[in-house]
mmCIF file of all heavy atoms, coordinates in Angstrom:
data_MODEL
# 
_entry.id   MODEL 
# 
loop_
_atom_site.group_PDB 
_atom_site.id 
_atom_site.type_symbol 
_atom_site.label_atom_id 
_atom_site.label_alt_id 
_atom_site.label_comp_id 
_atom_site.label_asym_id 
_atom_site.label_entity_id 
_atom_site.label_seq_id 
_atom_site.pdbx_PDB_ins_code 
_atom_site.Cartn_x 
_atom_site.Cartn_y 
_atom_site.Cartn_z 
_atom_site.occupancy 
_atom_site.B_iso_or_equiv 
_atom_site.pdbx_formal_charge 
_atom_site.auth_seq_id 
_atom_site.auth_comp_id 
_atom_site.auth_asym_id 
_atom_site.auth_atom_id 
_atom_site.pdbx_PDB_model_num 
ATOM 1   N N   . LEU A 1 1  ? -3.179 25.268 -26.562 1.00 0.00 ? 1  LEU A N   1 
ATOM 2   C CA  . LEU A 1 1  ? -3.562 26.287 -25.635 1.00 0.00 ? 1  LEU A CA  1 
ATOM 3   C C   . LEU A 1 1  ? -2.588 27.506 -25.679 1.00 0.00 ? 1  LEU A C   1 
ATOM 4   O O   . LEU A 1 1  ? -2.906 28.612 -25.749 1.00 0.00 ? 1  LEU A O   1 
ATOM 5   C CB  . LEU A 1 1  ? -3.735 25.714 -24.316 1.00 0.00 ? 1  LEU A CB  1 
ATOM 6   C CG  . LEU A 1 1  ? -4.932 24.805 -24.042 1.00 0.00 ? 1  LEU A CG  1 
ATOM 7   C CD1 . LEU A 1 1  ? -4.807 24.053 -22.688 1.00 0.00 ? 1  LEU A CD1 1 
ATOM 8   C CD2 . LEU A 1 1  ? -6.209 25.577 -24.102 1.00 0.00 ? 1  LEU A CD2 1 
ATOM 9   N N   . ILE A 1 2  ? -1.253 27.090 -25.639 1.00 0.00 ? 2  ILE A N   1 
ATOM 10  C CA  . ILE A 1 2  ? -0.252 28.171 -25.611 1.00 0.00 ? 2  ILE A CA  1 
ATOM 11  C C   . ILE A 1 2  ? -0.306 28.995 -26.909 1.00 0.00 ? 2  ILE A C   1 
ATOM 12  O O   . ILE A 1 2  ? -0.292 30.170 -26.934 1.00 0.00 ? 2  ILE A O   1 
ATOM 13  C CB  . ILE A 1 2  ? 1.181  27.488 -25.430 1.00 0.00 ? 2  ILE A CB  1 
ATOM 14  C CG1 . ILE A 1 2  ? 1.310  26.958 -24.047 1.00 0.00 ? 2  ILE A CG1 1 
ATOM 15  C CG2 . ILE A 1 2  ? 2.233  28.629 -25.748 1.00 0.00 ? 2  ILE A CG2 1 
ATOM 16  C CD1 . ILE A 1 2  ? 2.547  26.161 -23.796 1.00 0.00 ? 2  ILE A CD1 1 
ATOM 17  N N   . LYS A 1 3  ? -0.528 28.236 -27.989 1.00 0.00 ? 3  LYS A N   1 
ATOM 18  C CA  . LYS A 1 3  ? -0.522 28.950 -29.407 1.00 0.00 ? 3  LYS A CA  1 
ATOM 19  C C   . LYS A 1 3  ? -1.735 29.900 -29.347 1.00 0.00 ? 3  LYS A C   1 
ATOM 20  O O   . LYS A 1 3  ? -1.723 30.908 -29.904 1.00 0.00 ? 3  LYS A O   1 
ATOM 21  C CB  . LYS A 1 3  ? -0.705 27.832 -30.401 1.00 0.00 ? 3  LYS A CB  1 
ATOM 22  C CG  . LYS A 1 3  ? -0.541 28.432 -31.844 1.00 0.00 ? 3  LYS A CG  1 
ATOM 23  C CD  . LYS A 1 3  ? -0.493 27.299 -32.854 1.00 0.00 ? 3  LYS A CD  1 
ATOM 24  C CE  . LYS A 1 3  ? -0.320 27.881 -34.263 1.00 0.00 ? 3  LYS A CE  1 
ATOM 25  N NZ  . LYS A 1 3  ? -0.365 26.812 -35.251 1.00 0.00 ? 3  LYS A NZ  1 
ATOM 26  N N   . ALA A 1 4  ? -2.887 29.417 -28.896 1.00 0.00 ? 4  ALA A N   1 
ATOM 27  C CA  . ALA A 1 4  ? -4.135 30.230 -28.824 1.00 0.00 ? 4  ALA A CA  1 
ATOM 28  C C   . ALA A 1 4  ? -4.068 31.366 -27.912 1.00 0.00 ? 4  ALA A C   1 
ATOM 29  O O   . ALA A 1 4  ? -4.564 32.501 -28.283 1.00 0.00 ? 4  ALA A O   1 
ATOM 30  C CB  . ALA A 1 4  ? -5.306 29.295 -28.418 1.00 0.00 ? 4  ALA A CB  1 
ATOM 31  N N   . PHE A 1 5  ? -3.440 31.308 -26.742 1.00 0.00 ? 5  PHE A N   1 
ATOM 32  C CA  . PHE A 1 5  ? -3.529 32.351 -25.857 1.00 0.00 ? 5  PHE A CA  1 
ATOM 33  C C   . PHE A 1 5  ? -2.236 33.239 -25.734 1.00 0.00 ? 5  PHE A C   1 
ATOM 34  O O   . PHE A 1 5  ? -2.152 34.296 -25.080 1.00 0.00 ? 5  PHE A O   1 
ATOM 35  C CB  . PHE A 1 5  ? -3.906 31.799 -24.370 1.00 0.00 ? 5  PHE A CB  1 
ATOM 36  C CG  . PHE A 1 5  ? -5.422 31.498 -24.421 1.00 0.00 ? 5  PHE A CG  1 
ATOM 37  C CD1 . PHE A 1 5  ? -5.750 30.168 -24.606 1.00 0.00 ? 5  PHE A CD1 1 
ATOM 38  C CD2 . PHE A 1 5  ? -6.361 32.387 -24.217 1.00 0.00 ? 5  PHE A CD2 1 
ATOM 39  C CE1 . PHE A 1 5  ? -7.119 29.777 -24.659 1.00 0.00 ? 5  PHE A CE1 1 
ATOM 40  C CE2 . PHE A 1 5  ? -7.697 32.045 -24.317 1.00 0.00 ? 5  PHE A CE2 1 
ATOM 41  C CZ  . PHE A 1 5  ? -8.118 30.793 -24.469 1.00 0.00 ? 5  PHE A CZ  1 
ATOM 42  N N   . TYR A 1 6  ? -1.116 32.646 -26.147 1.00 0.00 ? 6  TYR A N   1 
ATOM 43  C CA  . TYR A 1 6  ? 0.169  33.252 -26.082 1.00 0.00 ? 6  TYR A CA  1 
ATOM 44  C C   . TYR A 1 6  ? 0.953  33.095 -27.425 1.00 0.00 ? 6  TYR A C   1 
ATOM 45  O O   . TYR A 1 6  ? 1.860  32.354 -27.515 1.00 0.00 ? 6  TYR A O   1 
ATOM 46  C CB  . TYR A 1 6  ? 1.047  32.685 -24.922 1.00 0.00 ? 6  TYR A CB  1 
ATOM 47  C CG  . TYR A 1 6  ? 0.349  32.854 -23.567 1.00 0.00 ? 6  TYR A CG  1 
ATOM 48  C CD1 . TYR A 1 6  ? -0.448 31.816 -22.961 1.00 0.00 ? 6  TYR A CD1 1 
ATOM 49  C CD2 . TYR A 1 6  ? 0.530  34.070 -22.868 1.00 0.00 ? 6  TYR A CD2 1 
ATOM 50  C CE1 . TYR A 1 6  ? -0.994 31.958 -21.807 1.00 0.00 ? 6  TYR A CE1 1 
ATOM 51  C CE2 . TYR A 1 6  ? -0.142 34.212 -21.605 1.00 0.00 ? 6  TYR A CE2 1 
ATOM 52  C CZ  . TYR A 1 6  ? -0.841 33.091 -21.074 1.00 0.00 ? 6  TYR A CZ  1 
ATOM 53  O OH  . TYR A 1 6  ? -1.571 33.304 -19.900 1.00 0.00 ? 6  TYR A OH  1 
ATOM 54  N N   . PRO A 1 7  ? 0.416  33.868 -28.416 1.00 0.00 ? 7  PRO A N   1 
ATOM 55  C CA  . PRO A 1 7  ? 0.955  33.660 -29.749 1.00 0.00 ? 7  PRO A CA  1 
ATOM 56  C C   . PRO A 1 7  ? 2.438  33.900 -29.925 1.00 0.00 ? 7  PRO A C   1 
ATOM 57  O O   . PRO A 1 7  ? 3.008  34.746 -29.266 1.00 0.00 ? 7  PRO A O   1 
ATOM 58  C CB  . PRO A 1 7  ? 0.119  34.682 -30.601 1.00 0.00 ? 7  PRO A CB  1 
ATOM 59  C CG  . PRO A 1 7  ? -1.035 35.021 -29.775 1.00 0.00 ? 7  PRO A CG  1 
ATOM 60  C CD  . PRO A 1 7  ? -0.612 34.846 -28.306 1.00 0.00 ? 7  PRO A CD  1 
ATOM 61  N N   . SER A 1 8  ? 3.069  33.196 -30.859 1.00 0.00 ? 8  SER A N   1 
ATOM 62  C CA  . SER A 1 8  ? 4.572  33.227 -31.050 1.00 0.00 ? 8  SER A CA  1 
ATOM 63  C C   . SER A 1 8  ? 5.019  34.598 -31.555 1.00 0.00 ? 8  SER A C   1 
ATOM 64  O O   . SER A 1 8  ? 6.185  34.933 -31.518 1.00 0.00 ? 8  SER A O   1 
ATOM 65  C CB  . SER A 1 8  ? 4.977  32.119 -31.972 1.00 0.00 ? 8  SER A CB  1 
ATOM 66  O OG  . SER A 1 8  ? 4.409  32.235 -33.284 1.00 0.00 ? 8  SER A OG  1 
ATOM 67  N N   . LEU A 1 9  ? 4.111  35.435 -32.086 1.00 0.00 ? 9  LEU A N   1 
ATOM 68  C CA  . LEU A 1 9  ? 4.453  36.776 -32.520 1.00 0.00 ? 9  LEU A CA  1 
ATOM 69  C C   . LEU A 1 9  ? 4.962  37.682 -31.285 1.00 0.00 ? 9  LEU A C   1 
ATOM 70  O O   . LEU A 1 9  ? 5.772  38.501 -31.363 1.00 0.00 ? 9  LEU A O   1 
ATOM 71  C CB  . LEU A 1 9  ? 3.202  37.425 -33.188 1.00 0.00 ? 9  LEU A CB  1 
ATOM 72  C CG  . LEU A 1 9  ? 3.531  38.687 -33.979 1.00 0.00 ? 9  LEU A CG  1 
ATOM 73  C CD1 . LEU A 1 9  ? 4.479  38.380 -35.110 1.00 0.00 ? 9  LEU A CD1 1 
ATOM 74  C CD2 . LEU A 1 9  ? 2.219  39.197 -34.476 1.00 0.00 ? 9  LEU A CD2 1 
ATOM 75  N N   . PHE A 1 10 ? 4.407  37.164 -30.133 1.00 0.00 ? 10 PHE A N   1 
ATOM 76  C CA  . PHE A 1 10 ? 4.658  38.045 -28.890 1.00 0.00 ? 10 PHE A CA  1 
ATOM 77  C C   . PHE A 1 10 ? 5.443  37.326 -27.849 1.00 0.00 ? 10 PHE A C   1 
ATOM 78  O O   . PHE A 1 10 ? 5.905  37.913 -26.881 1.00 0.00 ? 10 PHE A O   1 
ATOM 79  C CB  . PHE A 1 10 ? 3.327  38.465 -28.252 1.00 0.00 ? 10 PHE A CB  1 
ATOM 80  C CG  . PHE A 1 10 ? 2.365  39.137 -29.322 1.00 0.00 ? 10 PHE A CG  1 
ATOM 81  C CD1 . PHE A 1 10 ? 1.172  38.437 -29.764 1.00 0.00 ? 10 PHE A CD1 1 
ATOM 82  C CD2 . PHE A 1 10 ? 2.693  40.248 -29.959 1.00 0.00 ? 10 PHE A CD2 1 
ATOM 83  C CE1 . PHE A 1 10 ? 0.367  39.020 -30.636 1.00 0.00 ? 10 PHE A CE1 1 
ATOM 84  C CE2 . PHE A 1 10 ? 1.805  40.774 -30.928 1.00 0.00 ? 10 PHE A CE2 1 
ATOM 85  C CZ  . PHE A 1 10 ? 0.637  40.201 -31.174 1.00 0.00 ? 10 PHE A CZ  1 
ATOM 86  N N   . PHE A 1 11 ? 5.519  35.972 -27.952 1.00 0.00 ? 11 PHE A N   1 
ATOM 87  C CA  . PHE A 1 11 ? 6.162  35.114 -26.948 1.00 0.00 ? 11 PHE A CA  1 
ATOM 88  C C   . PHE A 1 11 ? 6.996  34.006 -27.437 1.00 0.00 ? 11 PHE A C   1 
ATOM 89  O O   . PHE A 1 11 ? 6.626  33.525 -28.612 1.00 0.00 ? 11 PHE A O   1 
ATOM 90  C CB  . PHE A 1 11 ? 5.066  34.523 -25.940 1.00 0.00 ? 11 PHE A CB  1 
ATOM 91  C CG  . PHE A 1 11 ? 4.151  35.532 -25.445 1.00 0.00 ? 11 PHE A CG  1 
ATOM 92  C CD1 . PHE A 1 11 ? 2.888  35.789 -25.933 1.00 0.00 ? 11 PHE A CD1 1 
ATOM 93  C CD2 . PHE A 1 11 ? 4.469  36.145 -24.095 1.00 0.00 ? 11 PHE A CD2 1 
ATOM 94  C CE1 . PHE A 1 11 ? 2.060  36.704 -25.325 1.00 0.00 ? 11 PHE A CE1 1 
ATOM 95  C CE2 . PHE A 1 11 ? 3.661  37.104 -23.648 1.00 0.00 ? 11 PHE A CE2 1 
ATOM 96  C CZ  . PHE A 1 11 ? 2.418  37.391 -24.108 1.00 0.00 ? 11 PHE A CZ  1 
ATOM 97  N N   . ASN A 1 12 ? 7.996  33.595 -26.799 1.00 0.00 ? 12 ASN A N   1 
ATOM 98  C CA  . ASN A 1 12 ? 8.763  32.390 -27.113 1.00 0.00 ? 12 ASN A CA  1 
ATOM 99  C C   . ASN A 1 12 ? 8.437  31.328 -26.083 1.00 0.00 ? 12 ASN A C   1 
ATOM 100 O O   . ASN A 1 12 ? 8.239  31.553 -24.881 1.00 0.00 ? 12 ASN A O   1 
ATOM 101 C CB  . ASN A 1 12 ? 10.257 32.655 -27.018 1.00 0.00 ? 12 ASN A CB  1 
ATOM 102 C CG  . ASN A 1 12 ? 10.753 33.455 -28.194 1.00 0.00 ? 12 ASN A CG  1 
ATOM 103 O OD1 . ASN A 1 12 ? 10.276 33.289 -29.279 1.00 0.00 ? 12 ASN A OD1 1 
ATOM 104 N ND2 . ASN A 1 12 ? 11.776 34.357 -27.920 1.00 0.00 ? 12 ASN A ND2 1 
ATOM 105 N N   . TYR A 1 13 ? 8.242  30.159 -26.622 1.00 0.00 ? 13 TYR A N   1 
ATOM 106 C CA  . TYR A 1 13 ? 8.031  28.965 -25.774 1.00 0.00 ? 13 TYR A CA  1 
ATOM 107 C C   . TYR A 1 13 ? 9.320  28.635 -25.041 1.00 0.00 ? 13 TYR A C   1 
ATOM 108 O O   . TYR A 1 13 ? 10.308 28.500 -25.610 1.00 0.00 ? 13 TYR A O   1 
ATOM 109 C CB  . TYR A 1 13 ? 7.582  27.790 -26.709 1.00 0.00 ? 13 TYR A CB  1 
ATOM 110 C CG  . TYR A 1 13 ? 7.399  26.454 -25.944 1.00 0.00 ? 13 TYR A CG  1 
ATOM 111 C CD1 . TYR A 1 13 ? 6.177  26.257 -25.391 1.00 0.00 ? 13 TYR A CD1 1 
ATOM 112 C CD2 . TYR A 1 13 ? 8.341  25.566 -25.875 1.00 0.00 ? 13 TYR A CD2 1 
ATOM 113 C CE1 . TYR A 1 13 ? 5.929  25.019 -24.673 1.00 0.00 ? 13 TYR A CE1 1 
ATOM 114 C CE2 . TYR A 1 13 ? 8.155  24.239 -25.203 1.00 0.00 ? 13 TYR A CE2 1 
ATOM 115 C CZ  . TYR A 1 13 ? 6.902  24.138 -24.595 1.00 0.00 ? 13 TYR A CZ  1 
ATOM 116 O OH  . TYR A 1 13 ? 6.720  22.909 -23.926 1.00 0.00 ? 13 TYR A OH  1 
ATOM 117 N N   . VAL A 1 14 ? 9.207  28.400 -23.744 1.00 0.00 ? 14 VAL A N   1 
ATOM 118 C CA  . VAL A 1 14 ? 10.465 28.009 -22.912 1.00 0.00 ? 14 VAL A CA  1 
ATOM 119 C C   . VAL A 1 14 ? 10.141 26.575 -22.549 1.00 0.00 ? 14 VAL A C   1 
ATOM 120 O O   . VAL A 1 14 ? 11.035 25.736 -22.757 1.00 0.00 ? 14 VAL A O   1 
ATOM 121 C CB  . VAL A 1 14 ? 10.497 28.949 -21.673 1.00 0.00 ? 14 VAL A CB  1 
ATOM 122 C CG1 . VAL A 1 14 ? 11.633 28.447 -20.775 1.00 0.00 ? 14 VAL A CG1 1 
ATOM 123 C CG2 . VAL A 1 14 ? 10.764 30.302 -22.135 1.00 0.00 ? 14 VAL A CG2 1 
ATOM 124 N N   . ASN A 1 15 ? 9.145  26.313 -21.864 1.00 0.00 ? 15 ASN A N   1 
ATOM 125 C CA  . ASN A 1 15 ? 8.656  24.912 -21.445 1.00 0.00 ? 15 ASN A CA  1 
ATOM 126 C C   . ASN A 1 15 ? 7.276  24.811 -21.230 1.00 0.00 ? 15 ASN A C   1 
ATOM 127 O O   . ASN A 1 15 ? 6.568  25.812 -21.437 1.00 0.00 ? 15 ASN A O   1 
ATOM 128 C CB  . ASN A 1 15 ? 9.479  24.353 -20.212 1.00 0.00 ? 15 ASN A CB  1 
ATOM 129 C CG  . ASN A 1 15 ? 9.275  25.225 -19.024 1.00 0.00 ? 15 ASN A CG  1 
ATOM 130 O OD1 . ASN A 1 15 ? 8.143  25.554 -18.722 1.00 0.00 ? 15 ASN A OD1 1 
ATOM 131 N ND2 . ASN A 1 15 ? 10.309 25.684 -18.275 1.00 0.00 ? 15 ASN A ND2 1 
ATOM 132 N N   . LYS A 1 16 ? 6.744  23.696 -20.916 1.00 0.00 ? 16 LYS A N   1 
ATOM 133 C CA  . LYS A 1 16 ? 5.298  23.482 -20.773 1.00 0.00 ? 16 LYS A CA  1 
ATOM 134 C C   . LYS A 1 16 ? 4.566  24.438 -19.859 1.00 0.00 ? 16 LYS A C   1 
ATOM 135 O O   . LYS A 1 16 ? 3.346  24.617 -19.934 1.00 0.00 ? 16 LYS A O   1 
ATOM 136 C CB  . LYS A 1 16 ? 4.929  22.048 -20.494 1.00 0.00 ? 16 LYS A CB  1 
ATOM 137 C CG  . LYS A 1 16 ? 5.339  21.572 -19.160 1.00 0.00 ? 16 LYS A CG  1 
ATOM 138 C CD  . LYS A 1 16 ? 4.911  20.114 -18.982 1.00 0.00 ? 16 LYS A CD  1 
ATOM 139 C CE  . LYS A 1 16 ? 5.124  19.688 -17.485 1.00 0.00 ? 16 LYS A CE  1 
ATOM 140 N NZ  . LYS A 1 16 ? 4.657  18.398 -17.239 1.00 0.00 ? 16 LYS A NZ  1 
ATOM 141 N N   . ASN A 1 17 ? 5.287  24.964 -18.892 1.00 0.00 ? 17 ASN A N   1 
ATOM 142 C CA  . ASN A 1 17 ? 4.725  25.969 -17.964 1.00 0.00 ? 17 ASN A CA  1 
ATOM 143 C C   . ASN A 1 17 ? 5.138  27.427 -18.047 1.00 0.00 ? 17 ASN A C   1 
ATOM 144 O O   . ASN A 1 17 ? 4.734  28.229 -17.249 1.00 0.00 ? 17 ASN A O   1 
ATOM 145 C CB  . ASN A 1 17 ? 4.952  25.465 -16.557 1.00 0.00 ? 17 ASN A CB  1 
ATOM 146 C CG  . ASN A 1 17 ? 4.295  24.131 -16.305 1.00 0.00 ? 17 ASN A CG  1 
ATOM 147 O OD1 . ASN A 1 17 ? 3.091  23.896 -16.702 1.00 0.00 ? 17 ASN A OD1 1 
ATOM 148 N ND2 . ASN A 1 17 ? 4.967  23.201 -15.552 1.00 0.00 ? 17 ASN A ND2 1 
ATOM 149 N N   . SER A 1 18 ? 6.092  27.644 -18.982 1.00 0.00 ? 18 SER A N   1 
ATOM 150 C CA  . SER A 1 18 ? 6.728  29.017 -19.019 1.00 0.00 ? 18 SER A CA  1 
ATOM 151 C C   . SER A 1 18 ? 6.841  29.485 -20.464 1.00 0.00 ? 18 SER A C   1 
ATOM 152 O O   . SER A 1 18 ? 7.076  28.718 -21.309 1.00 0.00 ? 18 SER A O   1 
ATOM 153 C CB  . SER A 1 18 ? 8.110  29.047 -18.391 1.00 0.00 ? 18 SER A CB  1 
ATOM 154 O OG  . SER A 1 18 ? 7.996  28.741 -17.016 1.00 0.00 ? 18 SER A OG  1 
ATOM 155 N N   . ILE A 1 19 ? 6.759  30.826 -20.624 1.00 0.00 ? 19 ILE A N   1 
ATOM 156 C CA  . ILE A 1 19 ? 7.013  31.482 -21.892 1.00 0.00 ? 19 ILE A CA  1 
ATOM 157 C C   . ILE A 1 19 ? 7.856  32.704 -21.596 1.00 0.00 ? 19 ILE A C   1 
ATOM 158 O O   . ILE A 1 19 ? 7.898  33.300 -20.496 1.00 0.00 ? 19 ILE A O   1 
ATOM 159 C CB  . ILE A 1 19 ? 5.650  31.860 -22.581 1.00 0.00 ? 19 ILE A CB  1 
ATOM 160 C CG1 . ILE A 1 19 ? 4.841  32.745 -21.663 1.00 0.00 ? 19 ILE A CG1 1 
ATOM 161 C CG2 . ILE A 1 19 ? 4.989  30.622 -23.108 1.00 0.00 ? 19 ILE A CG2 1 
ATOM 162 C CD1 . ILE A 1 19 ? 3.563  33.298 -22.363 1.00 0.00 ? 19 ILE A CD1 1 
ATOM 163 N N   . GLU A 1 20 ? 8.545  33.154 -22.666 1.00 0.00 ? 20 GLU A N   1 
ATOM 164 C CA  . GLU A 1 20 ? 9.385  34.331 -22.575 1.00 0.00 ? 20 GLU A CA  1 
ATOM 165 C C   . GLU A 1 20 ? 8.696  35.376 -23.483 1.00 0.00 ? 20 GLU A C   1 
ATOM 166 O O   . GLU A 1 20 ? 8.204  35.224 -24.510 1.00 0.00 ? 20 GLU A O   1 
ATOM 167 C CB  . GLU A 1 20 ? 10.758 33.972 -23.216 1.00 0.00 ? 20 GLU A CB  1 
ATOM 168 C CG  . GLU A 1 20 ? 11.698 35.245 -23.364 1.00 0.00 ? 20 GLU A CG  1 
ATOM 169 C CD  . GLU A 1 20 ? 12.923 34.881 -24.234 1.00 0.00 ? 20 GLU A CD  1 
ATOM 170 O OE1 . GLU A 1 20 ? 12.815 34.060 -25.163 1.00 0.00 ? 20 GLU A OE1 1 
ATOM 171 O OE2 . GLU A 1 20 ? 13.954 35.464 -23.907 1.00 0.00 ? 20 GLU A OE2 1 
ATOM 172 N N   . ILE A 1 21 ? 8.655  36.631 -22.811 1.00 0.00 ? 21 ILE A N   1 
ATOM 173 C CA  . ILE A 1 21 ? 8.020  37.711 -23.523 1.00 0.00 ? 21 ILE A CA  1 
ATOM 174 C C   . ILE A 1 21 ? 8.989  38.241 -24.551 1.00 0.00 ? 21 ILE A C   1 
ATOM 175 O O   . ILE A 1 21 ? 10.158 38.404 -24.439 1.00 0.00 ? 21 ILE A O   1 
ATOM 176 C CB  . ILE A 1 21 ? 7.730  38.855 -22.441 1.00 0.00 ? 21 ILE A CB  1 
ATOM 177 C CG1 . ILE A 1 21 ? 6.782  38.404 -21.465 1.00 0.00 ? 21 ILE A CG1 1 
ATOM 178 C CG2 . ILE A 1 21 ? 7.196  40.121 -23.172 1.00 0.00 ? 21 ILE A CG2 1 
ATOM 179 C CD1 . ILE A 1 21 ? 6.673  39.393 -20.246 1.00 0.00 ? 21 ILE A CD1 1 
ATOM 180 N N   . LYS A 1 22 ? 8.408  38.542 -25.772 1.00 0.00 ? 22 LYS A N   1 
ATOM 181 C CA  . LYS A 1 22 ? 9.239  39.150 -26.853 1.00 0.00 ? 22 LYS A CA  1 
ATOM 182 C C   . LYS A 1 22 ? 8.730  40.603 -27.139 1.00 0.00 ? 22 LYS A C   1 
ATOM 183 O O   . LYS A 1 22 ? 9.540  41.566 -27.111 1.00 0.00 ? 22 LYS A O   1 
ATOM 184 C CB  . LYS A 1 22 ? 9.040  38.314 -28.091 1.00 0.00 ? 22 LYS A CB  1 
ATOM 185 C CG  . LYS A 1 22 ? 9.675  36.992 -28.168 1.00 0.00 ? 22 LYS A CG  1 
ATOM 186 C CD  . LYS A 1 22 ? 9.825  36.401 -29.615 1.00 0.00 ? 22 LYS A CD  1 
ATOM 187 C CE  . LYS A 1 22 ? 8.553  36.276 -30.359 1.00 0.00 ? 22 LYS A CE  1 
ATOM 188 N NZ  . LYS A 1 22 ? 8.682  35.523 -31.579 1.00 0.00 ? 22 LYS A NZ  1 
ATOM 189 N N   . ASN A 1 23 ? 7.473  40.828 -27.455 1.00 0.00 ? 23 ASN A N   1 
ATOM 190 C CA  . ASN A 1 23 ? 6.949  42.058 -27.922 1.00 0.00 ? 23 ASN A CA  1 
ATOM 191 C C   . ASN A 1 23 ? 5.647  42.359 -27.225 1.00 0.00 ? 23 ASN A C   1 
ATOM 192 O O   . ASN A 1 23 ? 4.753  41.481 -27.281 1.00 0.00 ? 23 ASN A O   1 
ATOM 193 C CB  . ASN A 1 23 ? 6.758  42.051 -29.472 1.00 0.00 ? 23 ASN A CB  1 
ATOM 194 C CG  . ASN A 1 23 ? 8.013  41.654 -30.188 1.00 0.00 ? 23 ASN A CG  1 
ATOM 195 O OD1 . ASN A 1 23 ? 9.066  42.427 -30.199 1.00 0.00 ? 23 ASN A OD1 1 
ATOM 196 N ND2 . ASN A 1 23 ? 7.979  40.516 -30.798 1.00 0.00 ? 23 ASN A ND2 1 
ATOM 197 N N   . LEU A 1 24 ? 5.549  43.578 -26.621 1.00 0.00 ? 24 LEU A N   1 
ATOM 198 C CA  . LEU A 1 24 ? 4.242  44.004 -26.045 1.00 0.00 ? 24 LEU A CA  1 
ATOM 199 C C   . LEU A 1 24 ? 4.000  45.532 -26.498 1.00 0.00 ? 24 LEU A C   1 
ATOM 200 O O   . LEU A 1 24 ? 4.904  46.103 -26.868 1.00 0.00 ? 24 LEU A O   1 
ATOM 201 C CB  . LEU A 1 24 ? 4.320  43.842 -24.573 1.00 0.00 ? 24 LEU A CB  1 
ATOM 202 C CG  . LEU A 1 24 ? 4.411  42.403 -24.001 1.00 0.00 ? 24 LEU A CG  1 
ATOM 203 C CD1 . LEU A 1 24 ? 4.571  42.457 -22.517 1.00 0.00 ? 24 LEU A CD1 1 
ATOM 204 C CD2 . LEU A 1 24 ? 3.224  41.549 -24.467 1.00 0.00 ? 24 LEU A CD2 1 
# 
């Protein structure tokens, strides 16, 4: 789900409930 809706090109995985913004 994270990969589909919050791709790694734009976000870093932090934990199962959080992501870090990289590029917008």
